[in-house]
């Protein structure tokens, strides 16, 4: 493991221990921050090895990695229409905008509501 990944791992563990309970958004934020801190392909591989097998158990198979063309378009539509079904409101359609970008080997998809 690289020195950089060792730092990423220490910070990830510290971030996870800071909160007794994590929300989905908080958990995602911690994971995405750690992924962003990985500078090389080897850092990213070590990150996923750690996430998939944090205790370094022998009975957990080693993940298989593959190269991904980061210039290739992500198969996410720029706009989606979803139907909401809320207890407080009647069913209605919402228009959602998806923005994708890839940094390193991680693709980030930001989704925002366009119509209220």
N, C-alpha and C. Protein backbone atom coordinates (compact mmCIF):
# COMPACT_ATOMS: atom_id res chain seq x y z
N UNK A 1 0.82 -1.18 0.00
CA UNK A 1 0.00 0.00 0.00
C UNK A 1 0.87 1.24 0.00
N UNK A 2 0.42 2.25 -0.74
CA UNK A 2 1.18 3.49 -0.83
C UNK A 2 1.00 4.31 0.45
N UNK A 3 1.90 5.26 0.65
CA UNK A 3 1.79 6.16 1.79
C UNK A 3 0.50 6.96 1.69
N UNK A 4 0.15 7.36 0.48
CA UNK A 4 -1.08 8.13 0.29
C UNK A 4 -2.29 7.30 0.72
N UNK A 5 -2.35 6.03 0.30
CA UNK A 5 -3.51 5.23 0.68
C UNK A 5 -3.55 4.99 2.19
N UNK A 6 -2.41 4.82 2.82
CA UNK A 6 -2.38 4.66 4.27
C UNK A 6 -3.01 5.89 4.95
N UNK A 7 -2.72 7.09 4.42
CA UNK A 7 -3.34 8.31 4.94
C UNK A 7 -4.85 8.31 4.68
N UNK A 8 -5.24 7.92 3.46
CA UNK A 8 -6.66 7.85 3.11
C UNK A 8 -7.38 6.91 4.06
N UNK A 9 -6.79 5.75 4.30
CA UNK A 9 -7.39 4.73 5.18
C UNK A 9 -7.54 5.25 6.60
N UNK A 10 -6.49 5.89 7.13
CA UNK A 10 -6.56 6.43 8.49
C UNK A 10 -7.66 7.48 8.60
N UNK A 11 -7.74 8.35 7.59
CA UNK A 11 -8.76 9.41 7.61
C UNK A 11 -10.16 8.81 7.47
N UNK A 12 -10.32 7.81 6.62
CA UNK A 12 -11.61 7.14 6.43
C UNK A 12 -12.08 6.52 7.74
N UNK A 13 -11.20 5.81 8.41
CA UNK A 13 -11.56 5.17 9.68
C UNK A 13 -11.91 6.23 10.72
N UNK A 14 -11.14 7.32 10.77
CA UNK A 14 -11.43 8.40 11.72
C UNK A 14 -12.78 9.04 11.41
N UNK A 15 -13.07 9.29 10.13
CA UNK A 15 -14.36 9.88 9.74
C UNK A 15 -15.51 8.97 10.13
N UNK A 16 -15.34 7.66 9.95
CA UNK A 16 -16.40 6.72 10.30
C UNK A 16 -16.62 6.65 11.81
N UNK A 17 -15.54 6.78 12.59
CA UNK A 17 -15.66 6.71 14.04
C UNK A 17 -16.19 8.01 14.66
N UNK A 18 -16.13 9.12 13.91
CA UNK A 18 -16.58 10.40 14.44
C UNK A 18 -18.06 10.41 14.80
N UNK A 19 -18.86 9.64 14.08
CA UNK A 19 -20.30 9.60 14.31
C UNK A 19 -20.71 8.22 14.83
N UNK A 20 -21.59 8.22 15.82
CA UNK A 20 -22.10 6.94 16.33
C UNK A 20 -23.05 6.30 15.32
N UNK A 21 -23.84 7.14 14.65
CA UNK A 21 -24.79 6.67 13.64
C UNK A 21 -24.63 7.52 12.39
N UNK A 22 -24.68 6.87 11.25
CA UNK A 22 -24.50 7.58 9.98
C UNK A 22 -25.80 7.61 9.19
N UNK A 23 -26.06 8.76 8.58
CA UNK A 23 -27.16 8.84 7.62
C UNK A 23 -26.65 8.30 6.30
N UNK A 24 -27.56 8.03 5.38
CA UNK A 24 -27.13 7.57 4.05
C UNK A 24 -26.26 8.63 3.38
N UNK A 25 -26.68 9.88 3.47
CA UNK A 25 -25.93 10.97 2.83
C UNK A 25 -24.56 11.13 3.47
N UNK A 26 -24.49 11.02 4.80
CA UNK A 26 -23.21 11.14 5.50
C UNK A 26 -22.25 10.02 5.13
N UNK A 27 -22.78 8.79 5.06
CA UNK A 27 -21.97 7.63 4.68
C UNK A 27 -21.42 7.82 3.26
N UNK A 28 -22.29 8.21 2.34
CA UNK A 28 -21.86 8.43 0.95
C UNK A 28 -20.79 9.51 0.88
N UNK A 29 -20.98 10.59 1.63
CA UNK A 29 -20.01 11.68 1.63
C UNK A 29 -18.64 11.20 2.09
N UNK A 30 -18.62 10.40 3.15
CA UNK A 30 -17.34 9.87 3.66
C UNK A 30 -16.67 8.99 2.61
N UNK A 31 -17.44 8.10 1.98
CA UNK A 31 -16.88 7.20 0.97
C UNK A 31 -16.37 7.97 -0.26
N UNK A 32 -17.15 8.95 -0.71
CA UNK A 32 -16.73 9.72 -1.88
C UNK A 32 -15.50 10.58 -1.59
N UNK A 33 -15.42 11.13 -0.38
CA UNK A 33 -14.22 11.89 -0.01
C UNK A 33 -12.99 10.98 -0.03
N UNK A 34 -13.14 9.78 0.52
CA UNK A 34 -12.01 8.84 0.52
C UNK A 34 -11.63 8.45 -0.90
N UNK A 35 -12.61 8.20 -1.76
CA UNK A 35 -12.32 7.84 -3.15
C UNK A 35 -11.61 8.97 -3.87
N UNK A 36 -12.02 10.22 -3.59
CA UNK A 36 -11.38 11.38 -4.23
C UNK A 36 -9.93 11.54 -3.80
N UNK A 37 -9.61 11.12 -2.59
CA UNK A 37 -8.24 11.26 -2.08
C UNK A 37 -7.29 10.22 -2.67
N UNK A 38 -7.82 9.19 -3.30
CA UNK A 38 -6.98 8.18 -3.95
C UNK A 38 -6.41 8.78 -5.23
N UNK A 39 -5.10 8.85 -5.32
CA UNK A 39 -4.45 9.55 -6.43
C UNK A 39 -4.11 8.65 -7.61
N UNK A 40 -3.86 7.40 -7.35
CA UNK A 40 -3.42 6.50 -8.42
C UNK A 40 -4.40 5.33 -8.55
N UNK A 41 -4.23 4.57 -9.62
CA UNK A 41 -5.05 3.36 -9.80
C UNK A 41 -4.79 2.38 -8.66
N UNK A 42 -3.54 2.27 -8.22
CA UNK A 42 -3.23 1.37 -7.11
C UNK A 42 -3.91 1.82 -5.82
N UNK A 43 -3.94 3.14 -5.58
CA UNK A 43 -4.67 3.66 -4.42
C UNK A 43 -6.13 3.26 -4.49
N UNK A 44 -6.74 3.40 -5.67
CA UNK A 44 -8.15 3.06 -5.82
C UNK A 44 -8.38 1.56 -5.62
N UNK A 45 -7.49 0.74 -6.13
CA UNK A 45 -7.62 -0.71 -5.93
C UNK A 45 -7.50 -1.04 -4.45
N UNK A 46 -6.52 -0.43 -3.76
CA UNK A 46 -6.37 -0.67 -2.32
C UNK A 46 -7.60 -0.20 -1.56
N UNK A 47 -8.17 0.91 -1.98
CA UNK A 47 -9.39 1.41 -1.34
C UNK A 47 -10.51 0.39 -1.43
N UNK A 48 -10.76 -0.15 -2.63
CA UNK A 48 -11.84 -1.11 -2.78
C UNK A 48 -11.52 -2.44 -2.11
N UNK A 49 -10.26 -2.85 -2.10
CA UNK A 49 -9.89 -4.05 -1.35
C UNK A 49 -10.23 -3.87 0.14
N UNK A 50 -9.91 -2.68 0.66
CA UNK A 50 -10.18 -2.41 2.07
C UNK A 50 -11.68 -2.37 2.35
N UNK A 51 -12.45 -1.70 1.50
CA UNK A 51 -13.90 -1.59 1.70
C UNK A 51 -14.55 -2.97 1.65
N UNK A 52 -14.11 -3.81 0.71
CA UNK A 52 -14.71 -5.13 0.55
C UNK A 52 -14.23 -6.14 1.59
N UNK A 53 -13.06 -5.89 2.18
CA UNK A 53 -12.49 -6.83 3.15
C UNK A 53 -11.68 -6.07 4.20
N UNK A 54 -12.37 -5.31 5.07
CA UNK A 54 -11.66 -4.44 6.01
C UNK A 54 -10.80 -5.19 7.03
N UNK A 55 -11.13 -6.44 7.32
CA UNK A 55 -10.35 -7.21 8.30
C UNK A 55 -9.32 -8.12 7.65
N UNK A 56 -9.17 -8.01 6.33
CA UNK A 56 -8.19 -8.79 5.58
C UNK A 56 -8.35 -10.29 5.83
N UNK A 57 -9.60 -10.76 5.74
CA UNK A 57 -9.91 -12.18 5.95
C UNK A 57 -9.45 -13.01 4.75
N UNK A 58 -9.01 -14.22 5.01
CA UNK A 58 -8.52 -15.10 3.95
C UNK A 58 -9.64 -15.70 3.12
N UNK A 59 -10.84 -15.86 3.69
CA UNK A 59 -11.93 -16.53 2.98
C UNK A 59 -12.73 -15.60 2.06
N UNK A 60 -12.39 -14.33 2.03
CA UNK A 60 -13.05 -13.38 1.12
C UNK A 60 -12.21 -13.28 -0.14
N UNK A 61 -12.80 -13.56 -1.30
CA UNK A 61 -12.01 -13.54 -2.54
C UNK A 61 -11.52 -12.14 -2.89
N UNK A 62 -10.38 -12.10 -3.52
CA UNK A 62 -9.78 -10.85 -3.99
C UNK A 62 -10.66 -10.28 -5.10
N UNK A 63 -10.95 -8.97 -5.08
CA UNK A 63 -11.77 -8.40 -6.16
C UNK A 63 -11.03 -8.43 -7.49
N UNK A 64 -11.80 -8.54 -8.55
CA UNK A 64 -11.24 -8.51 -9.91
C UNK A 64 -11.43 -7.10 -10.46
N UNK A 65 -10.37 -6.48 -10.93
CA UNK A 65 -10.42 -5.12 -11.45
C UNK A 65 -10.31 -5.13 -12.96
N UNK A 66 -10.88 -4.13 -13.58
CA UNK A 66 -10.77 -3.98 -15.03
C UNK A 66 -10.60 -2.51 -15.36
N UNK A 67 -9.97 -2.24 -16.47
CA UNK A 67 -9.80 -0.87 -16.92
C UNK A 67 -11.08 -0.39 -17.58
N UNK A 68 -11.44 0.86 -17.28
CA UNK A 68 -12.64 1.46 -17.84
C UNK A 68 -12.23 2.69 -18.62
N UNK A 69 -12.79 2.83 -19.80
CA UNK A 69 -12.52 4.01 -20.63
C UNK A 69 -13.26 5.19 -20.02
N UNK A 70 -12.52 6.12 -19.40
CA UNK A 70 -13.16 7.24 -18.71
C UNK A 70 -13.67 8.29 -19.68
N UNK A 71 -13.32 8.20 -20.97
CA UNK A 71 -13.85 9.13 -21.96
C UNK A 71 -15.18 8.67 -22.51
N UNK A 72 -15.52 7.42 -22.27
CA UNK A 72 -16.78 6.87 -22.76
C UNK A 72 -17.94 7.49 -21.99
N UNK A 73 -19.03 7.77 -22.69
CA UNK A 73 -20.18 8.36 -22.03
C UNK A 73 -20.82 7.38 -21.05
N UNK A 74 -21.29 7.92 -19.95
CA UNK A 74 -22.01 7.12 -18.95
C UNK A 74 -23.43 6.94 -19.46
N UNK A 75 -23.98 5.75 -19.30
CA UNK A 75 -25.31 5.45 -19.82
C UNK A 75 -26.41 5.93 -18.86
N UNK A 76 -26.33 7.19 -18.51
CA UNK A 76 -27.34 7.83 -17.66
C UNK A 76 -27.95 8.95 -18.51
N UNK A 77 -29.26 8.96 -18.59
CA UNK A 77 -29.94 10.00 -19.35
C UNK A 77 -29.75 11.36 -18.67
N UNK A 78 -29.56 12.44 -19.46
CA UNK A 78 -29.37 13.76 -18.84
C UNK A 78 -30.61 14.22 -18.06
N UNK A 79 -31.79 13.79 -18.51
CA UNK A 79 -33.02 14.15 -17.82
C UNK A 79 -33.86 12.89 -17.61
N UNK A 80 -34.50 12.79 -16.46
CA UNK A 80 -35.40 11.68 -16.15
C UNK A 80 -36.68 12.25 -15.57
N UNK A 81 -37.77 11.56 -15.83
CA UNK A 81 -39.04 11.92 -15.21
C UNK A 81 -39.37 10.82 -14.22
N UNK A 82 -39.62 11.21 -12.99
CA UNK A 82 -40.00 10.23 -11.98
C UNK A 82 -41.38 10.59 -11.43
N UNK A 83 -42.05 9.59 -10.93
CA UNK A 83 -43.37 9.81 -10.33
C UNK A 83 -43.22 9.74 -8.82
N UNK A 84 -43.66 10.79 -8.15
CA UNK A 84 -43.59 10.81 -6.70
C UNK A 84 -44.90 10.30 -6.12
N UNK A 85 -44.82 9.67 -5.00
CA UNK A 85 -46.00 9.16 -4.30
C UNK A 85 -45.77 9.43 -2.82
N UNK A 86 -46.18 10.59 -2.39
CA UNK A 86 -45.96 11.03 -1.02
C UNK A 86 -47.27 10.96 -0.24
N UNK A 87 -47.19 10.63 1.03
CA UNK A 87 -48.40 10.58 1.87
C UNK A 87 -49.05 11.95 1.98
N UNK A 88 -48.25 13.00 1.95
CA UNK A 88 -48.76 14.36 2.14
C UNK A 88 -49.27 14.99 0.85
N UNK A 89 -48.76 14.53 -0.29
CA UNK A 89 -49.12 15.12 -1.57
C UNK A 89 -49.66 14.05 -2.50
N UNK A 90 -50.43 14.49 -3.49
CA UNK A 90 -50.93 13.57 -4.50
C UNK A 90 -49.78 13.17 -5.43
N UNK A 91 -49.99 12.09 -6.17
CA UNK A 91 -48.97 11.66 -7.13
C UNK A 91 -48.73 12.75 -8.17
N UNK A 92 -47.47 12.94 -8.50
CA UNK A 92 -47.14 13.90 -9.56
C UNK A 92 -45.80 13.52 -10.16
N UNK A 93 -45.59 14.03 -11.36
CA UNK A 93 -44.33 13.79 -12.06
C UNK A 93 -43.33 14.89 -11.71
N UNK A 94 -42.06 14.49 -11.55
CA UNK A 94 -40.98 15.44 -11.29
C UNK A 94 -39.92 15.24 -12.37
N UNK A 95 -39.38 16.34 -12.86
CA UNK A 95 -38.31 16.28 -13.83
C UNK A 95 -36.98 16.38 -13.08
N UNK A 96 -36.09 15.43 -13.33
CA UNK A 96 -34.79 15.37 -12.67
C UNK A 96 -33.68 15.56 -13.70
N UNK A 97 -32.66 16.32 -13.32
CA UNK A 97 -31.49 16.54 -14.18
C UNK A 97 -30.31 15.77 -13.60
N UNK A 98 -29.63 14.97 -14.44
CA UNK A 98 -28.46 14.19 -14.04
C UNK A 98 -27.21 14.80 -14.66
N UNK A 99 -26.20 15.06 -13.85
CA UNK A 99 -24.92 15.56 -14.34
C UNK A 99 -23.85 14.54 -13.94
N UNK A 100 -23.10 14.04 -14.93
CA UNK A 100 -22.08 13.00 -14.67
C UNK A 100 -20.69 13.55 -14.96
N UNK A 101 -19.74 13.18 -14.12
CA UNK A 101 -18.33 13.41 -14.43
C UNK A 101 -17.49 12.32 -13.78
N UNK A 102 -16.39 11.99 -14.44
CA UNK A 102 -15.50 10.94 -13.95
C UNK A 102 -14.18 11.57 -13.53
N UNK A 103 -13.71 11.18 -12.36
CA UNK A 103 -12.42 11.64 -11.87
C UNK A 103 -11.67 10.40 -11.41
N UNK A 104 -10.54 10.16 -12.03
CA UNK A 104 -9.83 8.92 -11.74
C UNK A 104 -10.66 7.76 -12.23
N UNK A 105 -10.93 6.80 -11.38
CA UNK A 105 -11.75 5.67 -11.76
C UNK A 105 -13.14 5.73 -11.13
N UNK A 106 -13.52 6.92 -10.60
CA UNK A 106 -14.81 7.07 -9.94
C UNK A 106 -15.70 7.99 -10.76
N UNK A 107 -16.92 7.55 -11.06
CA UNK A 107 -17.89 8.38 -11.76
C UNK A 107 -18.87 8.93 -10.74
N UNK A 108 -19.05 10.24 -10.77
CA UNK A 108 -19.96 10.93 -9.87
C UNK A 108 -21.19 11.33 -10.66
N UNK A 109 -22.37 11.08 -10.12
CA UNK A 109 -23.62 11.45 -10.76
C UNK A 109 -24.39 12.33 -9.78
N UNK A 110 -24.58 13.58 -10.18
CA UNK A 110 -25.34 14.51 -9.36
C UNK A 110 -26.74 14.61 -9.94
N UNK A 111 -27.74 14.41 -9.11
CA UNK A 111 -29.13 14.47 -9.56
C UNK A 111 -29.84 15.59 -8.80
N UNK A 112 -30.53 16.44 -9.56
CA UNK A 112 -31.26 17.51 -8.90
C UNK A 112 -32.66 17.63 -9.51
N UNK A 113 -33.59 18.05 -8.69
CA UNK A 113 -34.98 18.21 -9.09
C UNK A 113 -35.14 19.54 -9.81
N UNK A 114 -35.73 19.53 -10.99
CA UNK A 114 -35.93 20.75 -11.75
C UNK A 114 -37.31 21.36 -11.55
N UNK A 115 -38.30 20.53 -11.34
CA UNK A 115 -39.67 21.00 -11.21
C UNK A 115 -40.20 20.61 -9.83
N UNK A 116 -40.80 21.57 -9.15
CA UNK A 116 -41.36 21.27 -7.82
C UNK A 116 -42.83 20.99 -7.91
